[in-house]
């Protein structure tokens, strides 16, 4: 760690030529100004408080963003937090498409970071939906009822792996595609593996 709080391991992320370089360098300075520790996680600069993840800087084709890991618990008085998809339960992003917007929102962003630190200090947790609250696609339910050992194997998976499968199986609009996905992953479920294992 350097004197200014920058972690040399994260430098490559800011140094590589990319569309959002000026913006993410500014975001880095703002976040480090809030007293967080800079680390490199998932290939992105991640900022922690007492080893707990607070925010992450990441880039996309259309924007760069600051992701608050427990953003769902923040007040969001300024209405700047975005839920990436309907399935994201805890995290929220603040998206930027130019440096001017970052400069304009600098004090607001700092306020949100300090609130996120307070959320962490208080030990608050996001109330995540239980696996039983996710719908089970008809095609998968049929296989659970018909295939010996599949229900027990699915129930033995971690809740996160179960949710991963249920979300993946539910996404297609056509029953044929849902059925094909279910068929493809039955061996993996029976082997006790998650969708990405």
Foldseek 3Di string as FASTA:
>chain_A
DDPLQDDPVQVVVLPDDDDCNVQVVLVVNLLSVLVWHWDADPNWTFTHDPPHTAWTWADDPQWTKIKGQQVVPDPCPVVQWADPDPQDQGITIRTDRDNVVCVVCSVVVSVRSVVSVVCVVVVDDGDDDFLVPQDADPLLVVCCVPPPPLVVLLVPADRVLNNQLRVVLPPDPDPVVSNVSNVVCSVVSSVSHGPVD
